[in-house]
Amino acid sequence: MSDNISAEQLRLLIERVERLEEEKKGLSDDIKDVYAEAKSTGFDVKTMRTIVRLRGMEKHHREEAEHLLETYKQALGI
């Protein structure tokens, strides 16, 4: 009996993952379309991706990353 329950539970979990993977692919395609639209209107997509990444960071992590970048740039004379 427990083998049937475990098998059913496993099947349901796998189906949930499969549905979520499909949703993730759809969202990924939507994001790609937005970046393509931005590029077609003259925005720099690489810079936009950087801004999105930075906005997703907590403030203190972002400040630390910016400080390290500035330190490395100064060390290299950039």
PDB file of N, CA and C in Angstrom:
ATOM      1  N   MET A   1       0.823  -1.203   0.000  1.00  0.00           N
ATOM      2  CA  MET A   1       0.000   0.000   0.000  1.00  0.00           C
ATOM      3  C   MET A   1       0.862   1.260   0.000  1.00  0.00           C
ATOM      4  N   SER A   2       1.906   1.302   0.819  1.00  0.00           N
ATOM      5  CA  SER A   2       2.728   2.508   0.890  1.00  0.00           C
ATOM      6  C   SER A   2       3.498   2.738  -0.400  1.00  0.00           C
ATOM      7  N   ASP A   3       3.820   1.661  -1.148  1.00  0.00           N
ATOM      8  CA  ASP A   3       4.487   1.828  -2.438  1.00  0.00           C
ATOM      9  C   ASP A   3       3.595   2.562  -3.423  1.00  0.00           C
ATOM     10  N   ASN A   4       2.295   2.256  -3.397  1.00  0.00           N
ATOM     11  CA  ASN A   4       1.344   2.938  -4.277  1.00  0.00           C
ATOM     12  C   ASN A   4       1.219   4.399  -3.903  1.00  0.00           C
ATOM     13  N   ILE A   5       1.183   4.681  -2.615  1.00  0.00           N
ATOM     14  CA  ILE A   5       1.085   6.069  -2.160  1.00  0.00           C
ATOM     15  C   ILE A   5       2.345   6.828  -2.531  1.00  0.00           C
ATOM     16  N   SER A   6       3.488   6.223  -2.312  1.00  0.00           N
ATOM     17  CA  SER A   6       4.750   6.881  -2.644  1.00  0.00           C
ATOM     18  C   SER A   6       4.869   7.125  -4.139  1.00  0.00           C
ATOM     19  N   ALA A   7       4.477   6.148  -4.931  1.00  0.00           N
ATOM     20  CA  ALA A   7       4.534   6.293  -6.385  1.00  0.00           C
ATOM     21  C   ALA A   7       3.597   7.410  -6.842  1.00  0.00           C
ATOM     22  N   GLU A   8       2.405   7.459  -6.274  1.00  0.00           N
ATOM     23  CA  GLU A   8       1.444   8.506  -6.636  1.00  0.00           C
ATOM     24  C   GLU A   8       1.959   9.879  -6.231  1.00  0.00           C
ATOM     25  N   GLN A   9       2.510   9.967  -5.024  1.00  0.00           N
ATOM     26  CA  GLN A   9       3.055  11.237  -4.553  1.00  0.00           C
ATOM     27  C   GLN A   9       4.206  11.680  -5.448  1.00  0.00           C
ATOM     28  N   LEU A  10       5.073  10.743  -5.818  1.00  0.00           N
ATOM     29  CA  LEU A  10       6.195  11.056  -6.706  1.00  0.00           C
ATOM     30  C   LEU A  10       5.696  11.548  -8.056  1.00  0.00           C
ATOM     31  N   ARG A  11       4.694  10.864  -8.608  1.00  0.00           N
ATOM     32  CA  ARG A  11       4.130  11.270  -9.904  1.00  0.00           C
ATOM     33  C   ARG A  11       3.571  12.689  -9.839  1.00  0.00           C
ATOM     34  N   LEU A  12       2.853  13.001  -8.771  1.00  0.00           N
ATOM     35  CA  LEU A  12       2.276  14.338  -8.610  1.00  0.00           C
ATOM     36  C   LEU A  12       3.355  15.404  -8.479  1.00  0.00           C
ATOM     37  N   LEU A  13       4.395  15.100  -7.739  1.00  0.00           N
ATOM     38  CA  LEU A  13       5.493  16.064  -7.588  1.00  0.00           C
ATOM     39  C   LEU A  13       6.190  16.310  -8.918  1.00  0.00           C
ATOM     40  N   ILE A  14       6.421  15.235  -9.667  1.00  0.00           N
ATOM     41  CA  ILE A  14       7.071  15.376 -10.969  1.00  0.00           C
ATOM     42  C   ILE A  14       6.200  16.185 -11.922  1.00  0.00           C
ATOM     43  N   GLU A  15       4.913  15.947 -11.913  1.00  0.00           N
ATOM     44  CA  GLU A  15       4.009  16.712 -12.774  1.00  0.00           C
ATOM     45  C   GLU A  15       4.009  18.191 -12.402  1.00  0.00           C
ATOM     46  N   ARG A  16       4.077  18.487 -11.104  1.00  0.00           N
ATOM     47  CA  ARG A  16       4.150  19.892 -10.672  1.00  0.00           C
ATOM     48  C   ARG A  16       5.423  20.549 -11.191  1.00  0.00           C
ATOM     49  N   VAL A  17       6.537  19.831 -11.074  1.00  0.00           N
ATOM     50  CA  VAL A  17       7.814  20.371 -11.564  1.00  0.00           C
ATOM     51  C   VAL A  17       7.732  20.609 -13.066  1.00  0.00           C
ATOM     52  N   GLU A  18       7.155  19.671 -13.784  1.00  0.00           N
ATOM     53  CA  GLU A  18       7.023  19.829 -15.234  1.00  0.00           C
ATOM     54  C   GLU A  18       6.189  21.055 -15.591  1.00  0.00           C
ATOM     55  N   ARG A  19       5.088  21.271 -14.887  1.00  0.00           N
ATOM     56  CA  ARG A  19       4.259  22.463 -15.142  1.00  0.00           C
ATOM     57  C   ARG A  19       5.034  23.742 -14.843  1.00  0.00           C
ATOM     58  N   LEU A  20       5.758  23.733 -13.728  1.00  0.00           N
ATOM     59  CA  LEU A  20       6.542  24.919 -13.366  1.00  0.00           C
ATOM     60  C   LEU A  20       7.653  25.186 -14.383  1.00  0.00           C
ATOM     61  N   GLU A  21       8.277  24.130 -14.885  1.00  0.00           N
ATOM     62  CA  GLU A  21       9.303  24.300 -15.921  1.00  0.00           C
ATOM     63  C   GLU A  21       8.706  24.928 -17.183  1.00  0.00           C
ATOM     64  N   GLU A  22       7.486  24.514 -17.542  1.00  0.00           N
ATOM     65  CA  GLU A  22       6.812  25.106 -18.699  1.00  0.00           C
ATOM     66  C   GLU A  22       6.537  26.590 -18.456  1.00  0.00           C
ATOM     67  N   GLU A  23       6.073  26.917 -17.253  1.00  0.00           N
ATOM     68  CA  GLU A  23       5.823  28.322 -16.913  1.00  0.00           C
ATOM     69  C   GLU A  23       7.114  29.127 -16.948  1.00  0.00           C
ATOM     70  N   LYS A  24       8.186  28.538 -16.431  1.00  0.00           N
ATOM     71  CA  LYS A  24       9.484  29.216 -16.419  1.00  0.00           C
ATOM     72  C   LYS A  24       9.958  29.501 -17.839  1.00  0.00           C
ATOM     73  N   LYS A  25       9.772  28.531 -18.743  1.00  0.00           N
ATOM     74  CA  LYS A  25      10.153  28.732 -20.148  1.00  0.00           C
ATOM     75  C   LYS A  25       9.340  29.865 -20.755  1.00  0.00           C
ATOM     76  N   GLY A  26       8.044  29.900 -20.449  1.00  0.00           N
ATOM     77  CA  GLY A  26       7.191  30.973 -20.962  1.00  0.00           C
ATOM     78  C   GLY A  26       7.638  32.332 -20.452  1.00  0.00           C
ATOM     79  N   LEU A  27       7.959  32.409 -19.176  1.00  0.00           N
ATOM     80  CA  LEU A  27       8.440  33.673 -18.604  1.00  0.00           C
ATOM     81  C   LEU A  27       9.776  34.075 -19.210  1.00  0.00           C
ATOM     82  N   SER A  28      10.635  33.099 -19.402  1.00  0.00           N
ATOM     83  CA  SER A  28      11.941  33.375 -20.009  1.00  0.00           C
ATOM     84  C   SER A  28      11.769  33.944 -21.421  1.00  0.00           C
ATOM     85  N   ASP A  29      10.847  33.364 -22.172  1.00  0.00           N
ATOM     86  CA  ASP A  29      10.561  33.868 -23.519  1.00  0.00           C
ATOM     87  C   ASP A  29      10.005  35.293 -23.459  1.00  0.00           C
ATOM     88  N   ASP A  30       9.132  35.567 -22.487  1.00  0.00           N
ATOM     89  CA  ASP A  30       8.573  36.912 -22.332  1.00  0.00           C
ATOM     90  C   ASP A  30       9.670  37.929 -22.020  1.00  0.00           C
ATOM     91  N   ILE A  31      10.586  37.568 -21.141  1.00  0.00           N
ATOM     92  CA  ILE A  31      11.690  38.459 -20.783  1.00  0.00           C
ATOM     93  C   ILE A  31      12.564  38.716 -22.006  1.00  0.00           C
ATOM     94  N   LYS A  32      12.831  37.673 -22.766  1.00  0.00           N
ATOM     95  CA  LYS A  32      13.621  37.813 -23.993  1.00  0.00           C
ATOM     96  C   LYS A  32      12.943  38.793 -24.959  1.00  0.00           C
ATOM     97  N   ASP A  33      11.634  38.688 -25.067  1.00  0.00           N
ATOM     98  CA  ASP A  33      10.872  39.590 -25.942  1.00  0.00           C
ATOM     99  C   ASP A  33      10.978  41.044 -25.469  1.00  0.00           C
ATOM    100  N   VAL A  34      10.927  41.265 -24.165  1.00  0.00           N
ATOM    101  CA  VAL A  34      11.029  42.628 -23.630  1.00  0.00           C
ATOM    102  C   VAL A  34      12.403  43.208 -23.938  1.00  0.00           C
ATOM    103  N   TYR A  35      13.453  42.415 -23.764  1.00  0.00           N
ATOM    104  CA  TYR A  35      14.792  42.899 -24.090  1.00  0.00           C
ATOM    105  C   TYR A  35      14.934  43.178 -25.587  1.00  0.00           C
ATOM    106  N   ALA A  36      14.317  42.356 -26.419  1.00  0.00           N
ATOM    107  CA  ALA A  36      14.353  42.591 -27.865  1.00  0.00           C
ATOM    108  C   ALA A  36      13.640  43.893 -28.208  1.00  0.00           C
ATOM    109  N   GLU A  37      12.515  44.131 -27.559  1.00  0.00           N
ATOM    110  CA  GLU A  37      11.783  45.387 -27.772  1.00  0.00           C
ATOM    111  C   GLU A  37      12.626  46.577 -27.327  1.00  0.00           C
ATOM    112  N   ALA A  38      13.268  46.445 -26.176  1.00  0.00           N
ATOM    113  CA  ALA A  38      14.128  47.528 -25.673  1.00  0.00           C
ATOM    114  C   ALA A  38      15.259  47.804 -26.652  1.00  0.00           C
ATOM    115  N   LYS A  39      15.870  46.746 -27.163  1.00  0.00           N
ATOM    116  CA  LYS A  39      16.970  46.913 -28.124  1.00  0.00           C
ATOM    117  C   LYS A  39      16.485  47.601 -29.395  1.00  0.00           C
ATOM    118  N   SER A  40      15.291  47.221 -29.852  1.00  0.00           N
ATOM    119  CA  SER A  40      14.771  47.801 -31.094  1.00  0.00           C
ATOM    120  C   SER A  40      14.431  49.284 -30.940  1.00  0.00           C
ATOM    121  N   THR A  41      14.223  49.728 -29.708  1.00  0.00           N
ATOM    122  CA  THR A  41      13.944  51.144 -29.485  1.00  0.00           C
ATOM    123  C   THR A  41      15.197  51.923 -29.081  1.00  0.00           C
ATOM    124  N   GLY A  42      16.367  51.246 -29.114  1.00  0.00           N
ATOM    125  CA  GLY A  42      17.619  51.949 -28.911  1.00  0.00           C
ATOM    126  C   GLY A  42      18.257  51.821 -27.533  1.00  0.00           C
ATOM    127  N   PHE A  43      17.664  51.047 -26.645  1.00  0.00           N
ATOM    128  CA  PHE A  43      18.263  50.866 -25.325  1.00  0.00           C
ATOM    129  C   PHE A  43      19.367  49.822 -25.381  1.00  0.00           C
ATOM    130  N   ASP A  44      20.364  49.973 -24.514  1.00  0.00           N
ATOM    131  CA  ASP A  44      21.458  49.026 -24.423  1.00  0.00           C
ATOM    132  C   ASP A  44      21.042  47.894 -23.474  1.00  0.00           C
ATOM    133  N   VAL A  45      20.854  46.720 -24.039  1.00  0.00           N
ATOM    134  CA  VAL A  45      20.329  45.588 -23.279  1.00  0.00           C
ATOM    135  C   VAL A  45      21.319  45.118 -22.217  1.00  0.00           C
ATOM    136  N   LYS A  46      22.597  45.134 -22.524  1.00  0.00           N
ATOM    137  CA  LYS A  46      23.597  44.703 -21.540  1.00  0.00           C
ATOM    138  C   LYS A  46      23.523  45.587 -20.294  1.00  0.00           C
ATOM    139  N   THR A  47      23.388  46.873 -20.486  1.00  0.00           N
ATOM    140  CA  THR A  47      23.271  47.798 -19.356  1.00  0.00           C
ATOM    141  C   THR A  47      21.968  47.575 -18.613  1.00  0.00           C
ATOM    142  N   MET A  48      20.897  47.318 -19.337  1.00  0.00           N
ATOM    143  CA  MET A  48      19.609  47.043 -18.693  1.00  0.00           C
ATOM    144  C   MET A  48      19.697  45.795 -17.818  1.00  0.00           C
ATOM    145  N   ARG A  49      20.343  44.761 -18.317  1.00  0.00           N
ATOM    146  CA  ARG A  49      20.498  43.527 -17.534  1.00  0.00           C
ATOM    147  C   ARG A  49      21.289  43.793 -16.253  1.00  0.00           C
ATOM    148  N   THR A  50      22.312  44.639 -16.362  1.00  0.00           N
ATOM    149  CA  THR A  50      23.102  45.002 -15.181  1.00  0.00           C
ATOM    150  C   THR A  50      22.241  45.742 -14.171  1.00  0.00           C
ATOM    151  N   ILE A  51      21.428  46.678 -14.656  1.00  0.00           N
ATOM    152  CA  ILE A  51      20.549  47.441 -13.766  1.00  0.00           C
ATOM    153  C   ILE A  51      19.541  46.514 -13.080  1.00  0.00           C
ATOM    154  N   VAL A  52      18.965  45.581 -13.833  1.00  0.00           N
ATOM    155  CA  VAL A  52      18.005  44.642 -13.250  1.00  0.00           C
ATOM    156  C   VAL A  52      18.692  43.815 -12.156  1.00  0.00           C
ATOM    157  N   ARG A  53      19.920  43.348 -12.433  1.00  0.00           N
ATOM    158  CA  ARG A  53      20.665  42.570 -11.444  1.00  0.00           C
ATOM    159  C   ARG A  53      20.946  43.401 -10.208  1.00  0.00           C
ATOM    160  N   LEU A  54      21.375  44.656 -10.392  1.00  0.00           N
ATOM    161  CA  LEU A  54      21.680  45.535  -9.262  1.00  0.00           C
ATOM    162  C   LEU A  54      20.435  45.851  -8.442  1.00  0.00           C
ATOM    163  N   ARG A  55      19.325  46.089  -9.109  1.00  0.00           N
ATOM    164  CA  ARG A  55      18.085  46.400  -8.389  1.00  0.00           C
ATOM    165  C   ARG A  55      17.589  45.211  -7.569  1.00  0.00           C
ATOM    166  N   GLY A  56      17.974  44.016  -8.000  1.00  0.00           N
ATOM    167  CA  GLY A  56      17.579  42.819  -7.279  1.00  0.00           C
ATOM    168  C   GLY A  56      18.409  42.553  -6.033  1.00  0.00           C
ATOM    169  N   MET A  57      19.500  43.283  -5.895  1.00  0.00           N
ATOM    170  CA  MET A  57      20.385  43.084  -4.745  1.00  0.00           C
ATOM    171  C   MET A  57      19.922  43.934  -3.567  1.00  0.00           C
ATOM    172  N   GLU A  58      20.239  43.466  -2.377  1.00  0.00           N
ATOM    173  CA  GLU A  58      20.002  44.300  -1.207  1.00  0.00           C
ATOM    174  C   GLU A  58      20.976  45.470  -1.253  1.00  0.00           C
ATOM    175  N   LYS A  59      20.573  46.586  -0.663  1.00  0.00           N
ATOM    176  CA  LYS A  59      21.338  47.815  -0.762  1.00  0.00           C
ATOM    177  C   LYS A  59      22.791  47.631  -0.311  1.00  0.00           C
ATOM    178  N   HIS A  60      22.998  46.978   0.821  1.00  0.00           N
ATOM    179  CA  HIS A  60      24.369  46.844   1.316  1.00  0.00           C
ATOM    180  C   HIS A  60      25.204  45.935   0.424  1.00  0.00           C
ATOM    181  N   HIS A  61      24.603  44.947  -0.214  1.00  0.00           N
ATOM    182  CA  HIS A  61      25.331  44.087  -1.158  1.00  0.00           C
ATOM    183  C   HIS A  61      25.696  44.864  -2.420  1.00  0.00           C
ATOM    184  N   ARG A  62      24.757  45.688  -2.876  1.00  0.00           N
ATOM    185  CA  ARG A  62      24.999  46.504  -4.062  1.00  0.00           C
ATOM    186  C   ARG A  62      26.118  47.506  -3.806  1.00  0.00           C
ATOM    187  N   GLU A  63      26.072  48.165  -2.633  1.00  0.00           N
ATOM    188  CA  GLU A  63      27.113  49.132  -2.298  1.00  0.00           C
ATOM    189  C   GLU A  63      28.473  48.454  -2.181  1.00  0.00           C
ATOM    190  N   GLU A  64      28.506  47.265  -1.600  1.00  0.00           N
ATOM    191  CA  GLU A  64      29.756  46.526  -1.475  1.00  0.00           C
ATOM    192  C   GLU A  64      30.311  46.167  -2.851  1.00  0.00           C
ATOM    193  N   ALA A  65      29.435  45.697  -3.744  1.00  0.00           N
ATOM    194  CA  ALA A  65      29.863  45.336  -5.099  1.00  0.00           C
ATOM    195  C   ALA A  65      30.382  46.558  -5.851  1.00  0.00           C
ATOM    196  N   GLU A  66      29.691  47.690  -5.718  1.00  0.00           N
ATOM    197  CA  GLU A  66      30.135  48.914  -6.386  1.00  0.00           C
ATOM    198  C   GLU A  66      31.466  49.395  -5.828  1.00  0.00           C
ATOM    199  N   HIS A  67      31.650  49.282  -4.516  1.00  0.00           N
ATOM    200  CA  HIS A  67      32.913  49.681  -3.884  1.00  0.00           C
ATOM    201  C   HIS A  67      34.063  48.789  -4.379  1.00  0.00           C
ATOM    202  N   LEU A  68      33.823  47.480  -4.442  1.00  0.00           N
ATOM    203  CA  LEU A  68      34.861  46.570  -4.933  1.00  0.00           C
ATOM    204  C   LEU A  68      35.202  46.851  -6.389  1.00  0.00           C
ATOM    205  N   LEU A  69      34.192  47.100  -7.198  1.00  0.00           N
ATOM    206  CA  LEU A  69      34.429  47.411  -8.600  1.00  0.00           C
ATOM    207  C   LEU A  69      35.293  48.664  -8.727  1.00  0.00           C
ATOM    208  N   GLU A  70      34.958  49.696  -7.952  1.00  0.00           N
ATOM    209  CA  GLU A  70      35.732  50.940  -7.995  1.00  0.00           C
ATOM    210  C   GLU A  70      37.164  50.702  -7.522  1.00  0.00           C
ATOM    211  N   THR A  71      37.335  49.904  -6.484  1.00  0.00           N
ATOM    212  CA  THR A  71      38.680  49.591  -5.973  1.00  0.00           C
ATOM    213  C   THR A  71      39.496  48.867  -7.040  1.00  0.00           C
ATOM    214  N   TYR A  72      38.893  47.886  -7.700  1.00  0.00           N
ATOM    215  CA  TYR A  72      39.602  47.138  -8.732  1.00  0.00           C
ATOM    216  C   TYR A  72      39.945  48.037  -9.924  1.00  0.00           C
ATOM    217  N   LYS A  73      39.014  48.906 -10.304  1.00  0.00           N
ATOM    218  CA  LYS A  73      39.269  49.823 -11.419  1.00  0.00           C
ATOM    219  C   LYS A  73      40.441  50.737 -11.101  1.00  0.00           C
ATOM    220  N   GLN A  74      40.470  51.265  -9.879  1.00  0.00           N
ATOM    221  CA  GLN A  74      41.578  52.135  -9.486  1.00  0.00           C
ATOM    222  C   GLN A  74      42.893  51.375  -9.491  1.00  0.00           C
ATOM    223  N   ALA A  75      42.889  50.151  -9.008  1.00  0.00           N
ATOM    224  CA  ALA A  75      44.104  49.342  -8.972  1.00  0.00           C
ATOM    225  C   ALA A  75      44.640  49.073 -10.375  1.00  0.00           C
ATOM    226  N   LEU A  76      43.729  48.994 -11.351  1.00  0.00           N
ATOM    227  CA  LEU A  76      44.133  48.747 -12.732  1.00  0.00           C
ATOM    228  C   LEU A  76      44.279  50.005 -13.558  1.00  0.00           C
ATOM    229  N   GLY A  77      44.043  51.161 -12.957  1.00  0.00           N
ATOM    230  CA  GLY A  77      44.182  52.419 -13.669  1.00  0.00           C
ATOM    231  C   GLY A  77      43.120  52.651 -14.712  1.00  0.00           C
ATOM    232  N   ILE A  78      41.943  52.137 -14.462  1.00  0.00           N
ATOM    233  CA  ILE A  78      40.842  52.302 -15.427  1.00  0.00           C
ATOM    234  C   ILE A  78      39.999  53.491 -15.022  1.00  0.00           C
TER     235      ILE A  78
END
